[in-house]
Amino acid sequence: MKLSLKRWFGVLGPGLIAGASDDDPSGISTYSVAGASAGFSMLWMLLLTTPMMAVIQGMCARIGMVTGDGLARTMRGVLPGMLLYPLAAAVIAANTINAGADLEGMGASAQMVFHVPEGTWVVLFGIGLAVVQMASSYRTIARIVKWLALALFAYVITAFVVHVNWLDVLRHLVVPEIHPNAAWLTTLMALLGTTITPYLFFWQAALEVEEERAMGRVTREARRGATADELADAHLDANLGMIFSNLVALFIVVTTAATLHAHGRTNIQSAQDAARALEPLAGHFAYLLFTLGMVATGLLAIPALVGSSAYVAAECLHWRRGLDLRPDRAPGFYAVLVLGIALGMTMEFLHVDPIRALFWSAVINGIVAVPLLAVIVGIASSERVMGNRRSSPLARIWGWATVAVMGLAAASIFVFWGKS
């Protein structure tokens, strides 16, 4: 199959949307901390996780297309309720905490540039995002998100504004480096947790279903099955989306490592801290790019976080669901979506520390991701569920390797708990 440039752009959809939403304000904070505290030493992990992310997201896309339904609905057929419902509740809880931390991050970033109180921005962003998701169709939302993804190039540009030794970057990309101390390993776990996250699994499968609904396949039976070409396009989309996501992460780590770490400014806790420290070293333009990029990434990520929660709840509880449905036709689905944003906004006014919120979100995601990954790989490998469209042997090997890596990371959370 000819991989022309036109075809590459033509297949961009759920994979690009999922990949772009992975670089949310909390993720940018994690990458900033990784670069400032550990320099270039974690770059090799971004190279390693790229095929892992691509394989898992590709499996989620495949499951959605072949079964004709979302991931939680498919899991409902293979998992007992005593396992499914606690996993679903944990995912929704982590998504809500993450959305709240992202809203706080967006508000803080907007305040740094426009000098309007952070709380005002949180309310404006929260209400605006809720209204857009309730009033717009899936196609409109997808189109907006695709254009917003261009904002992530702000972090690519920033890396070229500062002085970077690209040969040193290349060396750290291909030569693994491990520092056996609690601080370095804890940061590594945070980096893993922000790249391979449960909400993306459900979001990817749900978006594939939305794509088919938008094509007129409104029933599950009409959506069941997929041609080899359709699956190839979905995997190309997922691959490009995950490569894009990790490239942005790489440039954020490179920027903060080449400036903050190189000048001994290693003790930062958020992307806002990184932007403030970056300004005297790289100039006001780099500061603006870094700060305003946080706002744009939040606009990308929060719909994915609360939308993922809405799909998980609706699929588990047999509710009508879909971004093309009016709120009165899917009240439960939209109630979960709006409640996720409302609870996230509340965190700002309860003065919840966003850094601690992100820590607990990362802990929950790190623990929940392991069984979810195992179930996803199992479903994608199952001839009973997938028929002759199950994942390839190579994809299954990468899938189980991802389960093992994330399992070690989750175990390490407890090993290094409370250590510095």
Protein backbone atom coordinates (compact mmCIF):
# COMPACT_ATOMS: atom_id res chain seq x y z
CA MET A 1 0.00 0.00 0.00
CA LYS A 2 1.50 3.28 -1.09
CA LEU A 3 2.25 5.60 1.85
CA SER A 4 1.84 8.93 0.05
CA LEU A 5 1.92 12.21 1.95
CA LYS A 6 -1.71 12.80 0.99
CA ARG A 7 -2.71 9.45 2.51
CA TRP A 8 -0.77 10.18 5.68
CA PHE A 9 -2.74 13.40 6.20
CA GLY A 10 -5.96 11.67 5.17
CA VAL A 11 -5.79 9.04 7.91
CA LEU A 12 -5.10 11.49 10.75
CA GLY A 13 -7.98 11.28 13.20
CA PRO A 14 -8.47 9.50 16.55
CA GLY A 15 -4.77 8.59 16.82
CA LEU A 16 -3.62 12.18 16.35
CA ILE A 17 -6.31 13.46 18.74
CA ALA A 18 -5.31 10.91 21.40
CA GLY A 19 -1.61 11.61 20.93
CA ALA A 20 -2.04 15.37 21.16
CA SER A 21 -4.21 15.10 24.27
CA ASP A 22 -1.49 13.03 25.97
CA ASP A 23 0.69 16.17 26.14
CA ASP A 24 -1.53 17.87 28.70
CA PRO A 25 -0.46 20.52 31.25
CA SER A 26 0.32 17.85 33.84
CA GLY A 27 2.40 15.95 31.29
CA ILE A 28 4.27 19.11 30.34
CA SER A 29 5.01 19.67 34.04
CA THR A 30 6.34 16.12 34.33
CA TYR A 31 8.57 16.49 31.27
CA SER A 32 9.78 19.87 32.52
CA VAL A 33 10.71 18.42 35.90
CA ALA A 34 12.42 15.46 34.19
CA GLY A 35 14.55 17.73 32.01
CA ALA A 36 15.41 20.18 34.79
CA SER A 37 16.25 17.57 37.42
CA ALA A 38 17.77 14.80 35.32
CA GLY A 39 19.06 16.55 32.20
CA PHE A 40 19.08 14.40 29.06
CA SER A 41 19.36 11.13 31.01
CA MET A 42 15.73 10.03 30.45
CA LEU A 43 15.53 10.70 26.71
CA TRP A 44 16.13 7.04 25.85
CA MET A 45 12.95 6.12 27.72
CA LEU A 46 10.89 8.34 25.39
CA LEU A 47 12.36 6.44 22.44
CA LEU A 48 11.48 3.11 24.11
CA THR A 49 7.92 4.08 25.05
CA THR A 50 7.00 5.32 21.56
CA PRO A 51 6.45 1.84 20.03
CA MET A 52 4.81 0.72 23.28
CA MET A 53 2.32 3.58 23.11
CA ALA A 54 1.73 3.01 19.39
CA VAL A 55 1.06 -0.70 19.87
CA ILE A 56 -1.34 -0.24 22.79
CA GLN A 57 -3.27 2.61 21.14
CA GLY A 58 -3.36 0.59 17.92
CA MET A 59 -4.85 -2.33 19.86
CA CYS A 60 -7.50 -0.04 21.36
CA ALA A 61 -8.35 1.29 17.90
CA ARG A 62 -8.54 -2.26 16.54
CA ILE A 63 -10.84 -3.36 19.37
CA GLY A 64 -13.19 -0.43 18.77
CA MET A 65 -13.34 -1.03 15.02
CA VAL A 66 -13.69 -4.81 15.06
CA THR A 67 -16.21 -5.06 17.94
CA GLY A 68 -18.12 -1.93 16.94
CA ASP A 69 -18.12 -0.64 20.51
CA GLY A 70 -16.00 1.12 23.09
CA LEU A 71 -13.34 -0.48 25.24
CA ALA A 72 -15.30 -0.55 28.51
CA ARG A 73 -18.31 -2.13 26.72
CA THR A 74 -16.04 -4.83 25.27
CA MET A 75 -14.36 -5.39 28.64
CA ARG A 76 -17.80 -5.87 30.15
CA GLY A 77 -18.07 -9.06 28.11
CA VAL A 78 -14.81 -10.57 29.39
CA LEU A 79 -14.46 -9.27 32.96
CA PRO A 80 -16.70 -9.89 35.99
CA GLY A 81 -18.33 -6.82 37.48
CA MET A 82 -16.30 -7.13 40.69
CA LEU A 83 -13.19 -6.38 38.61
CA LEU A 84 -14.62 -4.07 35.95
CA TYR A 85 -16.41 -1.57 38.18
CA PRO A 86 -13.50 -0.84 40.58
CA LEU A 87 -11.19 -0.37 37.58
CA ALA A 88 -13.71 1.94 35.92
CA ALA A 89 -14.17 3.95 39.14
CA ALA A 90 -10.40 4.32 39.55
CA VAL A 91 -10.00 5.53 35.96
CA ILE A 92 -12.79 8.09 36.41
CA ALA A 93 -11.30 9.29 39.72
CA ALA A 94 -7.82 9.70 38.20
CA ASN A 95 -9.27 11.49 35.17
CA THR A 96 -11.17 13.94 37.38
CA ILE A 97 -8.13 14.73 39.52
CA ASN A 98 -6.03 15.14 36.38
CA ALA A 99 -8.61 17.42 34.76
CA GLY A 100 -8.68 19.59 37.89
CA ALA A 101 -4.90 19.84 37.98
CA ASP A 102 -4.89 20.72 34.27
CA LEU A 103 -7.48 23.46 34.79
CA GLU A 104 -5.35 24.89 37.59
CA GLY A 105 -2.30 24.70 35.33
CA MET A 106 -4.13 26.50 32.52
CA GLY A 107 -5.38 29.17 34.92
CA ALA A 108 -1.93 29.73 36.40
CA SER A 109 -0.36 29.99 32.94
CA ALA A 110 -3.00 32.43 31.66
CA GLN A 111 -2.55 34.55 34.79
CA MET A 112 1.21 34.74 34.18
CA VAL A 113 0.63 36.30 30.75
CA PHE A 114 -2.62 38.27 31.07
CA HIS A 115 -2.57 39.14 34.82
CA VAL A 116 -6.20 38.13 35.41
CA PRO A 117 -6.78 36.05 38.58
CA GLU A 118 -6.23 32.32 38.18
CA GLY A 119 -9.69 31.44 39.52
CA THR A 120 -11.38 33.56 36.86
CA TRP A 121 -9.52 31.71 34.13
CA VAL A 122 -10.40 28.31 35.65
CA VAL A 123 -14.11 29.19 35.59
CA LEU A 124 -13.95 30.56 32.03
CA PHE A 125 -12.03 27.56 30.71
CA GLY A 126 -14.24 25.06 32.53
CA ILE A 127 -17.56 26.53 31.42
CA GLY A 128 -16.31 27.10 27.87
CA LEU A 129 -15.13 23.51 27.48
CA ALA A 130 -18.37 22.10 28.90
CA VAL A 131 -20.51 24.21 26.54
CA VAL A 132 -18.46 23.28 23.47
CA GLN A 133 -18.67 19.56 24.21
CA MET A 134 -22.41 19.69 24.88
CA ALA A 135 -23.34 21.92 21.93
CA SER A 136 -21.02 20.65 19.18
CA SER A 137 -21.00 17.50 17.06
CA TYR A 138 -18.16 15.00 17.12
CA ARG A 139 -16.93 16.22 13.72
CA THR A 140 -16.75 19.83 14.94
CA ILE A 141 -14.90 18.86 18.11
CA ALA A 142 -12.47 16.66 16.15
CA ARG A 143 -11.78 19.51 13.71
CA ILE A 144 -11.11 21.97 16.55
CA VAL A 145 -8.81 19.53 18.34
CA LYS A 146 -6.81 18.82 15.18
CA TRP A 147 -6.11 22.54 14.73
CA LEU A 148 -5.29 22.95 18.42
CA ALA A 149 -2.70 20.19 18.04
CA LEU A 150 -0.63 22.67 16.04
CA ALA A 151 -0.11 24.60 19.30
CA LEU A 152 2.16 21.79 20.49
CA PHE A 153 4.74 22.98 17.95
CA ALA A 154 5.37 25.83 20.42
CA TYR A 155 7.52 23.39 22.38
CA VAL A 156 9.39 22.33 19.25
CA ILE A 157 10.12 25.97 18.41
CA THR A 158 11.24 26.68 21.99
CA ALA A 159 13.86 23.93 21.75
CA PHE A 160 15.38 25.68 18.75
CA VAL A 161 15.25 29.11 20.42
CA VAL A 162 17.57 27.90 23.21
CA HIS A 163 21.10 26.59 22.65
CA VAL A 164 21.11 22.77 22.44
CA ASN A 165 23.93 20.31 21.82
CA TRP A 166 22.04 18.01 19.44
CA LEU A 167 24.84 15.44 19.27
CA ASP A 168 24.55 15.07 23.05
CA VAL A 169 20.78 14.69 22.67
CA LEU A 170 21.26 11.95 20.07
CA ARG A 171 23.71 10.09 22.32
CA HIS A 172 21.29 10.10 25.25
CA LEU A 173 18.46 8.95 22.97
CA VAL A 174 20.22 5.75 21.93
CA VAL A 175 22.35 4.96 25.01
CA PRO A 176 20.26 3.92 28.05
CA GLU A 177 21.23 5.55 31.32
CA ILE A 178 19.99 4.64 34.79
CA HIS A 179 20.71 6.47 38.05
CA PRO A 180 20.00 4.14 41.00
CA ASN A 181 18.59 6.73 43.39
CA ALA A 182 15.05 7.31 44.59
CA ALA A 183 14.64 10.82 43.14
CA TRP A 184 15.70 9.82 39.62
CA LEU A 185 13.65 6.59 39.62
CA THR A 186 10.56 8.36 40.99
CA THR A 187 10.79 10.94 38.19
CA LEU A 188 11.18 8.12 35.68
CA MET A 189 8.00 6.50 37.02
CA ALA A 190 6.17 9.80 36.65
CA LEU A 191 7.38 10.07 33.04
CA LEU A 192 6.14 6.55 32.28
CA GLY A 193 2.82 7.25 33.95
CA THR A 194 2.18 10.40 31.94
CA THR A 195 2.95 8.77 28.57
CA ILE A 196 1.03 5.48 28.92
CA THR A 197 -2.19 6.51 30.65
CA PRO A 198 -5.54 4.70 31.02
CA TYR A 199 -7.75 7.52 29.80
CA LEU A 200 -6.10 7.34 26.36
CA PHE A 201 -7.04 3.66 26.01
CA PHE A 202 -10.77 4.37 26.36
CA TRP A 203 -10.60 7.65 24.41
CA GLN A 204 -8.96 5.98 21.40
CA ALA A 205 -11.56 3.21 21.13
CA ALA A 206 -14.45 5.63 21.70
CA LEU A 207 -13.20 7.98 18.97
CA GLU A 208 -12.98 5.09 16.49
CA VAL A 209 -16.64 4.33 17.22
CA GLU A 210 -17.53 8.02 16.82
CA GLU A 211 -15.76 8.06 13.45
CA GLU A 212 -17.92 5.18 12.25
CA ARG A 213 -21.09 6.73 13.62
CA ALA A 214 -20.24 9.91 11.71
CA MET A 215 -20.07 7.77 8.56
CA GLY A 216 -23.65 6.58 9.14
CA ARG A 217 -22.92 3.29 10.91
CA VAL A 218 -25.23 4.05 13.82
CA THR A 219 -25.81 0.51 15.10
CA ARG A 220 -23.29 -1.80 16.68
CA GLU A 221 -23.90 -4.46 14.04
CA ALA A 222 -23.24 -1.96 11.24
CA ARG A 223 -19.92 -1.07 12.85
CA ARG A 224 -18.76 -4.63 13.52
CA GLY A 225 -15.74 -5.77 11.57
CA ALA A 226 -13.11 -3.89 9.65
CA THR A 227 -11.23 -4.40 6.42
CA ALA A 228 -7.46 -4.83 6.31
CA ASP A 229 -7.13 -1.38 4.73
CA GLU A 230 -9.27 0.24 7.45
CA LEU A 231 -7.16 -1.37 10.17
CA ALA A 232 -3.94 -0.36 8.39
CA ASP A 233 -5.16 3.25 8.29
CA ALA A 234 -6.11 3.15 11.98
CA HIS A 235 -2.70 1.80 12.94
CA LEU A 236 -0.92 4.41 10.82
CA ASP A 237 -3.01 7.10 12.52
CA ALA A 238 -2.16 5.71 15.98
CA ASN A 239 1.53 5.41 15.11
CA LEU A 240 1.74 8.99 13.82
CA GLY A 241 -0.20 10.29 16.84
CA MET A 242 2.07 8.58 19.37
CA ILE A 243 5.26 9.60 17.51
CA PHE A 244 4.01 13.21 17.49
CA SER A 245 3.15 13.01 21.20
CA ASN A 246 6.57 11.73 22.21
CA LEU A 247 8.41 14.13 19.90
CA VAL A 248 6.76 17.02 21.73
CA ALA A 249 7.72 15.42 25.06
CA LEU A 250 11.29 15.06 23.82
CA PHE A 251 11.54 18.75 22.89
CA ILE A 252 10.19 19.79 26.31
CA VAL A 253 12.79 17.63 28.09
CA VAL A 254 15.52 18.92 25.78
CA THR A 255 14.53 22.58 26.35
CA THR A 256 14.50 22.35 30.15
CA ALA A 257 17.63 20.16 30.27
CA ALA A 258 19.64 22.48 28.02
CA THR A 259 18.66 25.58 30.01
CA LEU A 260 17.56 24.86 33.57
CA HIS A 261 19.60 21.71 34.29
CA ALA A 262 22.66 23.14 32.55
CA HIS A 263 22.52 26.21 34.83
CA GLY A 264 21.87 24.27 38.04
CA ARG A 265 18.17 25.18 38.32
CA THR A 266 17.06 21.64 39.04
CA ASN A 267 14.50 22.22 41.79
CA ILE A 268 11.30 22.99 39.89
CA GLN A 269 7.89 21.43 40.49
CA SER A 270 5.77 22.49 37.53
CA ALA A 271 5.79 23.86 33.99
CA GLN A 272 5.02 27.32 35.40
CA ASP A 273 8.20 27.11 37.49
CA ALA A 274 10.05 26.06 34.34
CA ALA A 275 8.68 29.01 32.35
CA ARG A 276 9.69 31.51 35.05
CA ALA A 277 13.18 30.06 35.26
CA LEU A 278 13.43 29.86 31.47
CA GLU A 279 12.79 33.57 30.82
CA PRO A 280 16.12 34.99 32.07
CA LEU A 281 18.02 32.17 30.34
CA ALA A 282 16.23 31.97 26.98
CA GLY A 283 14.31 35.23 26.69
CA HIS A 284 10.71 36.43 26.82
CA PHE A 285 9.72 34.73 23.54
CA ALA A 286 10.61 31.30 24.92
CA TYR A 287 8.72 32.17 28.12
CA LEU A 288 5.57 33.08 26.15
CA LEU A 289 5.73 29.98 23.97
CA PHE A 290 6.15 27.73 26.98
CA THR A 291 3.39 29.42 29.00
CA LEU A 292 0.72 29.86 26.32
CA GLY A 293 1.39 26.33 25.11
CA MET A 294 0.09 25.15 28.50
CA VAL A 295 -3.28 26.79 27.85
CA ALA A 296 -3.63 25.22 24.39
CA THR A 297 -2.66 21.76 25.63
CA GLY A 298 -5.27 21.98 28.37
CA LEU A 299 -7.92 22.76 25.76
CA LEU A 300 -6.80 19.56 24.03
CA ALA A 301 -6.54 17.33 27.08
CA ILE A 302 -9.49 18.16 29.32
CA PRO A 303 -12.13 17.08 26.74
CA ALA A 304 -10.22 13.79 26.44
CA LEU A 305 -10.09 13.29 30.22
CA VAL A 306 -13.73 14.03 30.99
CA GLY A 307 -14.89 12.49 27.70
CA SER A 308 -13.04 9.29 28.55
CA SER A 309 -14.78 9.20 31.95
CA ALA A 310 -18.18 9.71 30.31
CA TYR A 311 -17.61 6.83 27.89
CA VAL A 312 -16.35 4.53 30.66
CA ALA A 313 -19.37 5.22 32.88
CA ALA A 314 -21.91 5.02 30.05
CA GLU A 315 -20.50 1.79 28.63
CA CYS A 316 -20.37 0.12 32.04
CA LEU A 317 -23.90 1.23 33.01
CA HIS A 318 -25.64 0.62 29.64
CA TRP A 319 -26.34 4.32 29.03
CA ARG A 320 -26.75 5.97 25.66
CA ARG A 321 -23.55 7.73 24.72
CA GLY A 322 -21.90 9.75 21.97
CA LEU A 323 -20.76 13.29 21.24
CA ASP A 324 -23.17 13.45 18.30
CA LEU A 325 -26.17 12.90 20.59
CA ARG A 326 -27.97 15.85 22.17
CA PRO A 327 -27.68 16.08 25.97
CA ASP A 328 -31.39 15.22 26.39
CA ARG A 329 -30.83 11.95 24.49
CA ALA A 330 -27.78 10.92 26.54
CA PRO A 331 -28.29 12.60 29.94
CA GLY A 332 -26.09 10.22 31.95
CA PHE A 333 -23.20 10.49 29.50
CA TYR A 334 -23.22 14.30 29.55
CA ALA A 335 -23.82 14.41 33.32
CA VAL A 336 -20.55 12.54 33.91
CA LEU A 337 -18.75 14.81 31.43
CA VAL A 338 -20.00 18.04 33.03
CA LEU A 339 -19.50 16.71 36.57
CA GLY A 340 -15.88 15.89 35.76
CA ILE A 341 -15.27 19.50 34.70
CA ALA A 342 -17.23 20.89 37.66
CA LEU A 343 -15.28 18.82 40.19
CA GLY A 344 -12.05 19.85 38.49
CA MET A 345 -13.04 23.52 38.80
CA THR A 346 -13.87 22.96 42.48
CA MET A 347 -10.28 21.88 43.17
CA GLU A 348 -9.14 25.45 42.44
CA PHE A 349 -11.45 26.97 45.06
CA LEU A 350 -10.76 24.27 47.65
CA HIS A 351 -7.08 25.21 47.26
CA VAL A 352 -6.11 21.64 46.37
CA ASP A 353 -2.37 21.56 45.69
CA PRO A 354 -2.10 20.66 41.96
CA ILE A 355 1.30 19.02 42.50
CA ARG A 356 -0.10 16.65 45.14
CA ALA A 357 -3.18 16.10 42.96
CA LEU A 358 -0.99 15.07 40.05
CA PHE A 359 1.00 12.78 42.34
CA TRP A 360 -2.13 10.92 43.44
CA SER A 361 -3.43 10.85 39.88
CA ALA A 362 -0.11 9.33 38.75
CA VAL A 363 -0.24 6.74 41.54
CA ILE A 364 -3.79 5.70 40.62
CA ASN A 365 -2.99 5.62 36.89
CA GLY A 366 0.22 3.66 37.48
CA ILE A 367 -1.61 0.98 39.44
CA VAL A 368 -4.72 0.80 37.24
CA ALA A 369 -2.78 0.79 33.97
CA VAL A 370 -1.23 -2.62 34.61
CA PRO A 371 -4.42 -4.75 34.74
CA LEU A 372 -6.00 -2.61 32.02
CA LEU A 373 -3.03 -3.17 29.72
CA ALA A 374 -3.18 -6.91 30.38
CA VAL A 375 -6.89 -6.98 29.52
CA ILE A 376 -6.36 -4.90 26.35
CA VAL A 377 -3.55 -7.15 25.10
CA GLY A 378 -5.64 -10.20 25.99
CA ILE A 379 -8.70 -8.94 24.09
CA ALA A 380 -6.67 -7.84 21.06
CA SER A 381 -5.05 -11.29 21.01
CA SER A 382 -8.33 -13.22 21.42
CA GLU A 383 -9.63 -15.09 18.41
CA ARG A 384 -12.99 -15.45 20.17
CA VAL A 385 -13.46 -11.66 20.40
CA MET A 386 -11.49 -10.45 17.39
CA GLY A 387 -11.85 -13.36 14.97
CA ASN A 388 -9.27 -13.20 12.19
CA ARG A 389 -8.56 -9.53 12.98
CA ARG A 390 -6.64 -10.12 16.19
CA SER A 391 -3.30 -8.38 16.67
CA SER A 392 -0.13 -9.72 15.06
CA PRO A 393 2.41 -11.81 17.03
CA LEU A 394 4.88 -8.89 17.00
CA ALA A 395 2.25 -6.51 18.40
CA ARG A 396 1.39 -9.02 21.11
CA ILE A 397 5.06 -9.27 22.11
CA TRP A 398 5.32 -5.49 22.38
CA GLY A 399 2.01 -5.43 24.26
CA TRP A 400 3.11 -7.90 26.92
CA ALA A 401 6.47 -6.12 27.19
CA THR A 402 4.55 -2.92 27.95
CA VAL A 403 2.59 -4.74 30.65
CA ALA A 404 5.87 -5.90 32.21
CA VAL A 405 7.48 -2.44 32.11
CA MET A 406 4.43 -0.73 33.60
CA GLY A 407 4.15 -3.50 36.21
CA LEU A 408 7.71 -2.83 37.35
CA ALA A 409 6.98 0.91 37.45
CA ALA A 410 3.83 0.36 39.54
CA ALA A 411 5.74 -1.89 41.95
CA SER A 412 8.46 0.75 42.24
CA ILE A 413 5.88 3.31 43.36
CA PHE A 414 5.55 1.36 46.60
CA VAL A 415 9.25 0.54 46.89
CA PHE A 416 10.20 4.23 46.76
CA TRP A 417 7.11 5.56 48.54
CA GLY A 418 8.06 8.51 50.73
CA LYS A 419 11.73 8.40 49.75
CA SER A 420 13.58 11.34 48.23
